Protein backbone atom coordinates (compact mmCIF):
# COMPACT_ATOMS: atom_id res chain seq x y z
CA UNK A 1 30.87 17.04 85.39
CA UNK A 2 33.39 19.28 83.32
CA UNK A 3 32.77 22.91 83.22
CA UNK A 4 34.11 25.16 80.54
CA UNK A 5 34.58 28.90 80.45
CA UNK A 6 33.93 30.11 77.06
CA UNK A 7 36.81 32.83 77.20
CA UNK A 8 39.21 29.77 77.89
CA UNK A 9 38.60 28.49 74.07
CA UNK A 10 39.57 29.90 71.01
CA UNK A 11 36.71 31.92 69.40
CA UNK A 12 36.02 29.35 66.83
CA UNK A 13 35.83 26.45 69.42
CA UNK A 14 33.70 28.37 71.90
CA UNK A 15 31.28 29.13 68.72
CA UNK A 16 31.39 25.45 67.94
CA UNK A 17 30.58 24.31 71.61
CA UNK A 18 27.68 26.76 71.90
CA UNK A 19 26.03 25.62 68.21
CA UNK A 20 26.22 21.98 69.48
CA UNK A 21 24.40 22.55 72.56
CA UNK A 22 21.64 24.88 71.50
CA UNK A 23 20.05 22.34 69.20
CA UNK A 24 17.91 21.94 67.22
CA UNK A 25 17.83 25.26 65.63
CA UNK A 26 15.28 26.32 63.12
CA UNK A 27 16.72 27.47 59.83
CA UNK A 28 15.51 30.98 58.41
CA UNK A 29 16.34 30.70 54.50
CA UNK A 30 16.40 34.43 53.95
CA UNK A 31 15.81 35.86 50.52
CA UNK A 32 16.36 39.49 49.80
CA UNK A 33 16.77 41.81 46.95
CA UNK A 34 19.70 44.42 46.59
CA UNK A 35 19.25 48.02 45.41
CA UNK A 36 20.63 46.89 41.98
CA UNK A 37 17.98 44.24 41.58
CA UNK A 38 20.44 41.29 42.63
CA UNK A 39 18.83 38.31 44.40
CA UNK A 40 20.25 36.95 47.27
CA UNK A 41 19.27 33.68 49.16
CA UNK A 42 21.19 32.39 52.39
CA UNK A 43 20.29 30.30 55.37
CA UNK A 44 20.70 31.51 58.92
CA UNK A 45 20.29 29.49 62.09
CA UNK A 46 20.29 32.10 64.94
CA UNK A 47 16.56 32.60 64.14
CA UNK A 48 13.43 32.39 66.18
CA UNK A 49 10.15 34.01 66.94
CA UNK A 50 10.32 36.74 69.87
CA UNK A 51 6.63 38.13 69.86
CA UNK A 52 3.16 37.20 69.09
CA UNK A 53 1.09 40.29 68.66
CA UNK A 54 2.25 41.64 66.19
CA UNK A 55 4.12 38.35 65.03
CA UNK A 56 7.62 39.22 65.38
CA UNK A 57 10.75 37.04 64.45
CA UNK A 58 14.34 37.60 64.82
CA UNK A 59 17.50 36.70 62.60
CA UNK A 60 21.00 37.42 63.56
CA UNK A 61 23.50 37.96 61.00
CA UNK A 62 27.32 38.29 61.07
CA UNK A 63 29.70 40.04 58.90
CA UNK A 64 32.06 38.82 56.33
CA UNK A 65 35.56 40.55 56.01
CA UNK A 66 34.49 43.23 58.32
CA UNK A 67 31.33 44.09 56.16
CA UNK A 68 27.67 43.28 56.79
CA UNK A 69 26.70 39.92 54.95
CA UNK A 70 24.70 40.29 51.75
CA UNK A 71 21.51 39.49 53.35
CA UNK A 72 21.78 42.16 56.12
CA UNK A 73 23.19 44.82 53.88
CA UNK A 74 19.92 44.29 51.62
CA UNK A 75 17.60 44.40 54.61
CA UNK A 76 19.10 47.58 55.94
CA UNK A 77 18.76 49.28 52.45
CA UNK A 78 15.30 48.06 51.67
CA UNK A 79 13.90 47.17 55.20
CA UNK A 80 12.28 43.91 53.41
CA UNK A 81 13.06 40.20 53.33
CA UNK A 82 11.46 36.68 53.26
CA UNK A 83 12.04 33.93 55.60
CA UNK A 84 11.70 30.54 53.77
CA UNK A 85 11.31 27.27 55.69
CA UNK A 86 13.71 24.76 54.49
CA UNK A 87 11.84 21.47 53.83
CA UNK A 88 14.01 18.38 54.22
CA UNK A 89 13.73 17.93 50.31
CA UNK A 90 15.54 21.18 49.87
CA UNK A 91 18.49 20.42 52.08
CA UNK A 92 21.02 20.26 49.34
CA UNK A 93 19.84 23.38 47.70
CA UNK A 94 19.87 25.21 51.04
CA UNK A 95 23.50 24.06 51.45
CA UNK A 96 24.53 25.26 48.12
CA UNK A 97 23.10 28.62 49.17
CA UNK A 98 25.04 28.89 52.12
CA UNK A 99 28.54 29.63 50.55
CA UNK A 100 30.41 32.79 50.89
CA UNK A 101 29.76 34.14 47.45
CA UNK A 102 30.34 37.42 45.71
CA UNK A 103 27.44 40.05 46.28
CA UNK A 104 26.32 39.72 42.60
CA UNK A 105 25.95 36.01 42.60
CA UNK A 106 22.23 34.94 42.48
CA UNK A 107 21.95 32.00 44.94
CA UNK A 108 18.47 31.08 43.42
CA UNK A 109 20.19 30.46 40.22
CA UNK A 110 23.20 28.75 41.64
CA UNK A 111 21.13 26.25 43.58
CA UNK A 112 18.52 25.63 40.57
CA UNK A 113 15.72 27.05 42.52
CA UNK A 114 12.56 28.86 41.09
CA UNK A 115 11.22 31.97 42.65
CA UNK A 116 7.94 32.81 43.36
CA UNK A 117 6.38 36.39 43.61
CA UNK A 118 5.76 37.88 47.20
CA UNK A 119 2.69 40.25 47.75
CA UNK A 120 3.67 42.75 50.39
CA UNK A 121 7.26 42.82 49.78
CA UNK A 122 9.66 43.02 46.76
CA UNK A 123 11.99 39.97 47.46
CA UNK A 124 10.68 36.73 45.97
CA UNK A 125 10.12 33.41 47.80
CA UNK A 126 11.41 29.93 47.26
CA UNK A 127 8.77 28.33 45.16
CA UNK A 128 9.16 25.03 46.58
CA UNK A 129 9.47 25.98 50.26
CA UNK A 130 6.60 24.56 52.21
CA UNK A 131 6.14 27.74 54.17
CA UNK A 132 7.41 31.46 53.89
CA UNK A 133 7.10 34.73 55.58
CA UNK A 134 7.00 38.01 54.27
CA UNK A 135 8.44 40.31 56.64
CA UNK A 136 9.08 43.92 57.27
CA UNK A 137 12.10 44.91 59.25
CA UNK A 138 11.46 47.00 62.43
CA UNK A 139 14.77 47.01 64.37
CA UNK A 140 18.56 46.33 63.78
CA UNK A 141 20.06 45.55 67.22
CA UNK A 142 23.90 45.14 67.32
CA UNK A 143 24.89 42.52 69.53
CA UNK A 144 27.27 43.87 71.86
CA UNK A 145 31.05 42.40 71.92
CA UNK A 146 30.20 40.45 68.81
CA UNK A 147 30.17 41.08 64.88
CA UNK A 148 26.49 40.04 64.79
CA UNK A 149 23.41 42.32 64.10
CA UNK A 150 19.91 41.09 65.44
CA UNK A 151 17.24 41.91 62.85
CA UNK A 152 13.70 42.17 64.34
CA UNK A 153 11.01 41.88 61.92
CA UNK A 154 7.03 41.96 61.69
CA UNK A 155 5.48 39.25 59.71
CA UNK A 156 3.19 40.60 56.93
CA UNK A 157 2.04 37.44 55.36
CA UNK A 158 2.33 33.76 55.41
CA UNK A 159 2.39 31.48 52.55
CA UNK A 160 1.69 27.79 53.00
CA UNK A 161 1.97 24.73 51.01
CA UNK A 162 -1.76 23.28 50.31
CA UNK A 163 -2.69 20.85 52.94
CA UNK A 164 -0.30 22.15 55.43
CA UNK A 165 -2.83 24.07 57.87
CA UNK A 166 -4.92 21.72 59.99
CA UNK A 167 -8.53 22.71 61.00
CA UNK A 168 -7.45 23.92 64.25
CA UNK A 169 -5.51 26.65 62.77
CA UNK A 170 -1.88 25.26 63.29
CA UNK A 171 0.49 24.01 60.82
CA UNK A 172 1.09 20.14 60.61
CA UNK A 173 4.77 19.93 61.66
CA UNK A 174 5.22 16.64 60.16
CA UNK A 175 3.81 17.59 56.71
CA UNK A 176 6.07 20.84 57.06
CA UNK A 177 9.12 18.37 57.62
CA UNK A 178 11.56 21.48 58.40
CA UNK A 179 15.34 20.83 58.51
CA UNK A 180 16.85 21.91 61.75
CA UNK A 181 20.64 22.85 62.31
CA UNK A 182 22.78 21.01 64.72
CA UNK A 183 26.69 21.58 65.37
CA UNK A 184 29.09 21.32 62.73
CA UNK A 185 28.18 19.76 59.32
CA UNK A 186 25.00 18.04 61.16
CA UNK A 187 21.17 18.63 60.59
CA UNK A 188 18.22 16.94 61.93
CA UNK A 189 14.52 16.06 61.13
CA UNK A 190 11.64 16.31 63.69
CA UNK A 191 11.34 12.70 64.52
CA UNK A 192 8.80 11.84 67.20
CA UNK A 193 6.57 14.42 68.67
CA UNK A 194 4.20 14.29 71.62
CA UNK A 195 1.33 16.47 73.22
CA UNK A 196 1.37 17.77 76.88
CA UNK A 197 -1.81 19.80 77.97
CA UNK A 198 -0.64 22.97 80.01
CA UNK A 199 -1.90 23.18 83.70
CA UNK A 200 -5.27 24.96 84.02
CA UNK A 201 -5.21 28.32 85.90
């Protein structure tokens, strides 16, 4: 079995290897609002839940030319953001919003997306997203030795498309139909799923 030491690779090659192994990754389609009122929308796949009570998520965001990416800048200034879930039918729009655009570019408009108002935070939601979470930032953790900052946030409110929530209180994952990130330019859908009961104590 081949073994690879990350420091033996060029940084880009080490990054590409890692993201091709850590799959599938959920995508946080983050909408934020600048102090000047400008809208920003960008996808991040270093994203997951980190705590249940209170519900807490994390999104890791990098830099662009030595400065925080627009999403991170806006969250640091406002303390608020929305995580939209990318349904499979929104793949093209999500990809359009992933470009390295100038700060004043409105990715909602660029991707032809309608906004929907949030209730507890100021940034709007993606109107067609099957699910969205309004989030208040709670911690900013610089990731040592990298250009990334891990943003921790508390979910204040969920928005769910009609029919997604099952009687047992869980979202129907197949109806959610989320897009997941793989390596390179590759993406995936859920495919088959199965259930296994946890062992009784």
